[in-house]
Amino acid sequence: MLHRPIMAAAGVLLLALLSGCSTQAETPAPASTAGAETTTEPDSAGGADATSTPSALPTNTGEYTCESILSPGTLAVFEDQEEDGFTLQDDFIERSRNFGGNLVDFADYGGVLCQWAFPSGDGAVDYGYSPITDAQATAEMDALIAGGYVSQVDKRGTLVVNADAGSFTDSYLFTDGAWFYGSDKTVLNLIVDNFPAPQ
């Protein structure tokens, strides 16, 4: 395992609040960990096979912060929890370096790596974004798959998920020129759906 993100029940409840009534069924990740296994997901627009060329997300030309990459509504929900101690963790990149693994690459590639959590670590919501070259993307995907992750075709690019979803549900999305990370698919989609963030 490349890293150990922390997700507690409070975080799941917070994300349920953010996702509202939009609860689309997701294609589960294949259980095989022998290598990169590619599956197809139906296109939500009409059941078309997603093996066609994925639609690339726009390239970001601005600079993101942990706040600006979130939609205004999501940021407002997070900030409303600050009085209860749910805050942006300034030391997350440093702690991630101590854990080892690939999460710090988001910061090292010129992007953002963020965590909101309570002081105890409960309810942690982790996410990241950075630009990425083709060579970097290949290296990152190879390392993830070697660590037990599996890839799925997604209409937005290549989704790479933890095969041990019962333990950790972290997910990555690789698109043309960018990659994204969420401590689960809901968090990942919060970031991707707001990309590029309003400037």
C-alpha atoms as a PDB file:
ATOM      1  CA  MET A   1       0.000   0.000   0.000  1.00  0.00           C
ATOM      2  CA  LEU A   2       1.462   3.339  -0.992  1.00  0.00           C
ATOM      3  CA  HIS A   3      -0.140   5.364   1.786  1.00  0.00           C
ATOM      4  CA  ARG A   4      -2.873   5.200   4.421  1.00  0.00           C
ATOM      5  CA  PRO A   5      -5.513   7.939   4.107  1.00  0.00           C
ATOM      6  CA  ILE A   6      -7.777   8.356   7.118  1.00  0.00           C
ATOM      7  CA  MET A   7     -11.547   8.337   6.586  1.00  0.00           C
ATOM      8  CA  ALA A   8     -13.865   8.134   9.570  1.00  0.00           C
ATOM      9  CA  ALA A   9     -17.619   7.882   9.902  1.00  0.00           C
ATOM     10  CA  ALA A  10     -17.954  11.644  10.454  1.00  0.00           C
ATOM     11  CA  GLY A  11     -16.295  12.246   7.095  1.00  0.00           C
ATOM     12  CA  VAL A  12     -18.685   9.890   5.359  1.00  0.00           C
ATOM     13  CA  LEU A  13     -21.648  11.742   6.867  1.00  0.00           C
ATOM     14  CA  LEU A  14     -20.186  15.077   5.786  1.00  0.00           C
ATOM     15  CA  LEU A  15     -19.753  13.811   2.242  1.00  0.00           C
ATOM     16  CA  ALA A  16     -23.292  12.464   2.206  1.00  0.00           C
ATOM     17  CA  LEU A  17     -24.442  15.991   3.022  1.00  0.00           C
ATOM     18  CA  LEU A  18     -22.342  17.395   0.178  1.00  0.00           C
ATOM     19  CA  SER A  19     -23.506  14.875  -2.388  1.00  0.00           C
ATOM     20  CA  GLY A  20     -27.163  15.578  -1.635  1.00  0.00           C
ATOM     21  CA  CYS A  21     -29.590  13.368  -3.490  1.00  0.00           C
ATOM     22  CA  SER A  22     -27.229  12.517  -6.317  1.00  0.00           C
ATOM     23  CA  THR A  23     -26.486   8.862  -5.612  1.00  0.00           C
ATOM     24  CA  GLN A  24     -25.613   7.291  -8.935  1.00  0.00           C
ATOM     25  CA  ALA A  25     -24.609   3.649  -8.820  1.00  0.00           C
ATOM     26  CA  GLU A  26     -20.910   3.211  -9.470  1.00  0.00           C
ATOM     27  CA  THR A  27     -19.249   0.293 -11.195  1.00  0.00           C
ATOM     28  CA  PRO A  28     -17.267  -1.554  -8.518  1.00  0.00           C
ATOM     29  CA  ALA A  29     -13.533  -1.939  -8.960  1.00  0.00           C
ATOM     30  CA  PRO A  30     -12.421  -5.388 -10.131  1.00  0.00           C
ATOM     31  CA  ALA A  31     -11.035  -7.566  -7.352  1.00  0.00           C
ATOM     32  CA  SER A  32      -7.924  -8.640  -9.250  1.00  0.00           C
ATOM     33  CA  THR A  33      -4.618  -7.161  -8.134  1.00  0.00           C
ATOM     34  CA  ALA A  34      -2.448  -9.001 -10.622  1.00  0.00           C
ATOM     35  CA  GLY A  35      -1.995  -5.936 -12.787  1.00  0.00           C
ATOM     36  CA  ALA A  36      -3.824  -3.203 -14.601  1.00  0.00           C
ATOM     37  CA  GLU A  37      -7.255  -4.549 -15.313  1.00  0.00           C
ATOM     38  CA  THR A  38      -9.415  -2.389 -17.520  1.00  0.00           C
ATOM     39  CA  THR A  39     -13.184  -2.397 -17.288  1.00  0.00           C
ATOM     40  CA  THR A  40     -15.796  -0.276 -18.958  1.00  0.00           C
ATOM     41  CA  GLU A  41     -18.391   1.905 -17.334  1.00  0.00           C
ATOM     42  CA  PRO A  42     -21.669   2.743 -19.020  1.00  0.00           C
ATOM     43  CA  ASP A  43     -21.994   6.332 -20.135  1.00  0.00           C
ATOM     44  CA  SER A  44     -24.544   8.030 -17.884  1.00  0.00           C
ATOM     45  CA  ALA A  45     -26.054   9.769 -20.901  1.00  0.00           C
ATOM     46  CA  GLY A  46     -27.333   6.638 -22.574  1.00  0.00           C
ATOM     47  CA  GLY A  47     -25.530   3.432 -21.748  1.00  0.00           C
ATOM     48  CA  ALA A  48     -22.845   3.808 -24.403  1.00  0.00           C
ATOM     49  CA  ASP A  49     -19.619   1.925 -23.835  1.00  0.00           C
ATOM     50  CA  ALA A  50     -16.888   4.112 -22.359  1.00  0.00           C
ATOM     51  CA  THR A  51     -14.088   2.470 -24.341  1.00  0.00           C
ATOM     52  CA  SER A  52     -14.228   5.314 -26.865  1.00  0.00           C
ATOM     53  CA  THR A  53     -11.808   8.189 -26.450  1.00  0.00           C
ATOM     54  CA  PRO A  54     -12.570   9.885 -23.115  1.00  0.00           C
ATOM     55  CA  SER A  55     -13.474  13.546 -23.192  1.00  0.00           C
ATOM     56  CA  ALA A  56     -10.508  15.489 -21.843  1.00  0.00           C
ATOM     57  CA  LEU A  57     -11.052  17.979 -19.073  1.00  0.00           C
ATOM     58  CA  PRO A  58      -9.983  21.551 -19.756  1.00  0.00           C
ATOM     59  CA  THR A  59      -6.417  22.417 -18.855  1.00  0.00           C
ATOM     60  CA  ASN A  60      -6.137  24.694 -15.849  1.00  0.00           C
ATOM     61  CA  THR A  61      -4.169  27.854 -16.480  1.00  0.00           C
ATOM     62  CA  GLY A  62      -4.650  29.376 -13.031  1.00  0.00           C
ATOM     63  CA  GLU A  63      -3.211  28.477  -9.674  1.00  0.00           C
ATOM     64  CA  TYR A  64      -5.339  26.422  -7.338  1.00  0.00           C
ATOM     65  CA  THR A  65      -5.390  26.532  -3.567  1.00  0.00           C
ATOM     66  CA  CYS A  66      -7.007  24.042  -1.206  1.00  0.00           C
ATOM     67  CA  GLU A  67      -9.961  26.421  -1.028  1.00  0.00           C
ATOM     68  CA  SER A  68     -10.299  27.576  -4.640  1.00  0.00           C
ATOM     69  CA  ILE A  69     -10.337  24.047  -6.072  1.00  0.00           C
ATOM     70  CA  LEU A  70     -13.537  23.374  -4.128  1.00  0.00           C
ATOM     71  CA  SER A  71     -16.877  24.641  -5.353  1.00  0.00           C
ATOM     72  CA  PRO A  72     -18.226  27.586  -3.340  1.00  0.00           C
ATOM     73  CA  GLY A  73     -20.955  25.359  -1.898  1.00  0.00           C
ATOM     74  CA  THR A  74     -18.526  22.658  -0.755  1.00  0.00           C
ATOM     75  CA  LEU A  75     -16.169  25.232   0.724  1.00  0.00           C
ATOM     76  CA  ALA A  76     -19.059  26.806   2.606  1.00  0.00           C
ATOM     77  CA  VAL A  77     -20.013  23.432   4.104  1.00  0.00           C
ATOM     78  CA  PHE A  78     -16.412  22.855   5.201  1.00  0.00           C
ATOM     79  CA  GLU A  79     -16.043  26.347   6.643  1.00  0.00           C
ATOM     80  CA  ASP A  80     -19.327  25.986   8.544  1.00  0.00           C
ATOM     81  CA  GLN A  81     -17.670  23.113  10.450  1.00  0.00           C
ATOM     82  CA  GLU A  82     -14.629  25.180  11.499  1.00  0.00           C
ATOM     83  CA  GLU A  83     -16.165  26.274  14.797  1.00  0.00           C
ATOM     84  CA  ASP A  84     -16.438  22.581  15.668  1.00  0.00           C
ATOM     85  CA  GLY A  85     -12.749  22.080  14.890  1.00  0.00           C
ATOM     86  CA  PHE A  86     -13.022  20.809  11.292  1.00  0.00           C
ATOM     87  CA  THR A  87     -10.193  22.763   9.652  1.00  0.00           C
ATOM     88  CA  LEU A  88      -7.747  22.702   6.783  1.00  0.00           C
ATOM     89  CA  GLN A  89      -4.663  20.829   8.030  1.00  0.00           C
ATOM     90  CA  ASP A  90      -1.557  22.909   7.276  1.00  0.00           C
ATOM     91  CA  ASP A  91       0.816  20.022   7.976  1.00  0.00           C
ATOM     92  CA  PHE A  92      -0.761  17.458   5.639  1.00  0.00           C
ATOM     93  CA  ILE A  93       1.975  17.644   2.995  1.00  0.00           C
ATOM     94  CA  GLU A  94       4.682  17.266   5.644  1.00  0.00           C
ATOM     95  CA  ARG A  95       2.879  14.310   7.240  1.00  0.00           C
ATOM     96  CA  SER A  96       2.415  12.734   3.806  1.00  0.00           C
ATOM     97  CA  ARG A  97       6.164  12.978   3.182  1.00  0.00           C
ATOM     98  CA  ASN A  98       6.738  11.115   6.427  1.00  0.00           C
ATOM     99  CA  PHE A  99       4.299   8.374   5.365  1.00  0.00           C
ATOM    100  CA  GLY A 100       6.035   7.890   2.027  1.00  0.00           C
ATOM    101  CA  GLY A 101       4.139   7.073  -1.136  1.00  0.00           C
ATOM    102  CA  ASN A 102       2.913   9.203  -3.973  1.00  0.00           C
ATOM    103  CA  LEU A 103       0.614  11.791  -2.412  1.00  0.00           C
ATOM    104  CA  VAL A 104       3.344  14.415  -2.093  1.00  0.00           C
ATOM    105  CA  ASP A 105       3.810  14.245  -5.860  1.00  0.00           C
ATOM    106  CA  PHE A 106       0.705  16.417  -6.207  1.00  0.00           C
ATOM    107  CA  ALA A 107       2.550  19.229  -4.411  1.00  0.00           C
ATOM    108  CA  ASP A 108       5.878  18.438  -6.068  1.00  0.00           C
ATOM    109  CA  TYR A 109       4.309  18.632  -9.545  1.00  0.00           C
ATOM    110  CA  GLY A 110       3.015  22.128  -8.793  1.00  0.00           C
ATOM    111  CA  GLY A 111      -0.492  21.299  -7.632  1.00  0.00           C
ATOM    112  CA  VAL A 112      -2.327  21.053  -4.332  1.00  0.00           C
ATOM    113  CA  LEU A 113      -2.590  18.352  -1.677  1.00  0.00           C
ATOM    114  CA  CYS A 114      -5.131  19.061   1.028  1.00  0.00           C
ATOM    115  CA  GLN A 115      -6.816  17.631   4.081  1.00  0.00           C
ATOM    116  CA  TRP A 116      -9.724  18.933   6.150  1.00  0.00           C
ATOM    117  CA  ALA A 117     -10.175  17.135   9.468  1.00  0.00           C
ATOM    118  CA  PHE A 118     -10.946  17.452  13.153  1.00  0.00           C
ATOM    119  CA  PRO A 119      -7.931  17.707  15.519  1.00  0.00           C
ATOM    120  CA  SER A 120      -8.280  13.994  16.350  1.00  0.00           C
ATOM    121  CA  GLY A 121      -8.022  13.132  12.663  1.00  0.00           C
ATOM    122  CA  ASP A 122     -11.681  12.093  12.534  1.00  0.00           C
ATOM    123  CA  GLY A 123     -13.721  12.978   9.475  1.00  0.00           C
ATOM    124  CA  ALA A 124     -10.660  13.504   7.286  1.00  0.00           C
ATOM    125  CA  VAL A 125     -11.346  14.591   3.722  1.00  0.00           C
ATOM    126  CA  ASP A 126      -8.225  14.344   1.536  1.00  0.00           C
ATOM    127  CA  TYR A 127      -7.858  15.569  -2.037  1.00  0.00           C
ATOM    128  CA  GLY A 128      -5.238  16.582  -4.559  1.00  0.00           C
ATOM    129  CA  TYR A 129      -4.748  17.920  -8.049  1.00  0.00           C
ATOM    130  CA  SER A 130      -1.767  18.728 -10.218  1.00  0.00           C
ATOM    131  CA  PRO A 131      -0.763  18.988 -13.835  1.00  0.00           C
ATOM    132  CA  ILE A 132       1.094  15.888 -15.004  1.00  0.00           C
ATOM    133  CA  THR A 133       3.144  14.871 -18.028  1.00  0.00           C
ATOM    134  CA  ASP A 134       2.518  11.651 -19.944  1.00  0.00           C
ATOM    135  CA  ALA A 135       5.710  10.140 -18.527  1.00  0.00           C
ATOM    136  CA  GLN A 136       4.775  11.092 -14.967  1.00  0.00           C
ATOM    137  CA  ALA A 137       1.253   9.714 -15.425  1.00  0.00           C
ATOM    138  CA  THR A 138       2.598   6.392 -16.663  1.00  0.00           C
ATOM    139  CA  ALA A 139       5.002   6.151 -13.726  1.00  0.00           C
ATOM    140  CA  GLU A 140       2.290   7.053 -11.201  1.00  0.00           C
ATOM    141  CA  MET A 141      -0.200   4.555 -12.622  1.00  0.00           C
ATOM    142  CA  ASP A 142       2.438   1.799 -12.741  1.00  0.00           C
ATOM    143  CA  ALA A 143       3.343   2.435  -9.083  1.00  0.00           C
ATOM    144  CA  LEU A 144      -0.299   2.407  -7.997  1.00  0.00           C
ATOM    145  CA  ILE A 145      -1.045  -0.827  -9.834  1.00  0.00           C
ATOM    146  CA  ALA A 146       2.081  -2.431  -8.412  1.00  0.00           C
ATOM    147  CA  GLY A 147       0.693  -1.473  -4.984  1.00  0.00           C
ATOM    148  CA  GLY A 148      -2.605  -3.271  -5.574  1.00  0.00           C
ATOM    149  CA  TYR A 149      -4.743  -0.675  -7.326  1.00  0.00           C
ATOM    150  CA  VAL A 150      -6.771  -1.412 -10.462  1.00  0.00           C
ATOM    151  CA  SER A 151      -7.660   0.809 -13.401  1.00  0.00           C
ATOM    152  CA  GLN A 152     -11.059   1.402 -14.930  1.00  0.00           C
ATOM    153  CA  VAL A 153     -12.038   3.238 -18.071  1.00  0.00           C
ATOM    154  CA  ASP A 154     -13.952   6.364 -17.140  1.00  0.00           C
ATOM    155  CA  LYS A 155     -15.550   8.791 -19.581  1.00  0.00           C
ATOM    156  CA  ARG A 156     -13.270  11.490 -18.116  1.00  0.00           C
ATOM    157  CA  GLY A 157     -10.011   9.499 -18.377  1.00  0.00           C
ATOM    158  CA  THR A 158      -8.560   6.582 -16.417  1.00  0.00           C
ATOM    159  CA  LEU A 159      -9.868   5.908 -12.926  1.00  0.00           C
ATOM    160  CA  VAL A 160      -7.464   4.074 -10.606  1.00  0.00           C
ATOM    161  CA  VAL A 161      -8.990   2.710  -7.412  1.00  0.00           C
ATOM    162  CA  ASN A 162      -7.839   0.734  -4.417  1.00  0.00           C
ATOM    163  CA  ALA A 163      -8.713  -2.918  -4.926  1.00  0.00           C
ATOM    164  CA  ASP A 164      -9.034  -3.248  -1.148  1.00  0.00           C
ATOM    165  CA  ALA A 165     -12.026  -0.920  -1.010  1.00  0.00           C
ATOM    166  CA  GLY A 166     -13.146  -2.447   2.265  1.00  0.00           C
ATOM    167  CA  SER A 167     -10.056  -0.998   3.894  1.00  0.00           C
ATOM    168  CA  PHE A 168      -9.288   2.190   1.945  1.00  0.00           C
ATOM    169  CA  THR A 169     -11.428   3.774  -0.738  1.00  0.00           C
ATOM    170  CA  ASP A 170      -8.981   6.294  -2.176  1.00  0.00           C
ATOM    171  CA  SER A 171      -9.310   6.983  -5.893  1.00  0.00           C
ATOM    172  CA  TYR A 172      -7.292   8.693  -8.611  1.00  0.00           C
ATOM    173  CA  LEU A 173      -8.372  10.068 -11.971  1.00  0.00           C
ATOM    174  CA  PHE A 174      -5.844  10.581 -14.759  1.00  0.00           C
ATOM    175  CA  THR A 175      -6.913  12.878 -17.593  1.00  0.00           C
ATOM    176  CA  ASP A 176      -5.096  14.572 -20.436  1.00  0.00           C
ATOM    177  CA  GLY A 177      -2.481  16.692 -18.647  1.00  0.00           C
ATOM    178  CA  ALA A 178      -3.838  16.419 -15.101  1.00  0.00           C
ATOM    179  CA  TRP A 179      -4.473  13.941 -12.286  1.00  0.00           C
ATOM    180  CA  PHE A 180      -6.756  14.112  -9.275  1.00  0.00           C
ATOM    181  CA  TYR A 181      -6.973  12.349  -5.923  1.00  0.00           C
ATOM    182  CA  GLY A 182      -9.792  11.861  -3.451  1.00  0.00           C
ATOM    183  CA  SER A 183      -9.929   9.870  -0.243  1.00  0.00           C
ATOM    184  CA  ASP A 184     -12.969   8.240  -1.850  1.00  0.00           C
ATOM    185  CA  LYS A 185     -14.867   8.574  -5.134  1.00  0.00           C
ATOM    186  CA  THR A 186     -17.244  11.170  -3.713  1.00  0.00           C
ATOM    187  CA  VAL A 187     -14.347  13.426  -2.716  1.00  0.00           C
ATOM    188  CA  LEU A 188     -12.658  12.825  -6.074  1.00  0.00           C
ATOM    189  CA  ASN A 189     -15.826  13.846  -7.908  1.00  0.00           C
ATOM    190  CA  LEU A 190     -16.169  17.007  -5.806  1.00  0.00           C
ATOM    191  CA  ILE A 191     -12.803  18.133  -7.183  1.00  0.00           C
ATOM    192  CA  VAL A 192     -13.184  16.908 -10.755  1.00  0.00           C
ATOM    193  CA  ASP A 193     -16.699  18.315 -11.134  1.00  0.00           C
ATOM    194  CA  ASN A 194     -15.401  21.762 -10.183  1.00  0.00           C
ATOM    195  CA  PHE A 195     -12.488  21.682 -12.629  1.00  0.00           C
ATOM    196  CA  PRO A 196     -11.437  24.197 -13.745  1.00  0.00           C
ATOM    197  CA  ALA A 197     -12.396  26.204 -10.676  1.00  0.00           C
ATOM    198  CA  PRO A 198     -13.832  29.681 -11.223  1.00  0.00           C
ATOM    199  CA  GLN A 199     -11.012  32.199 -11.601  1.00  0.00           C
END
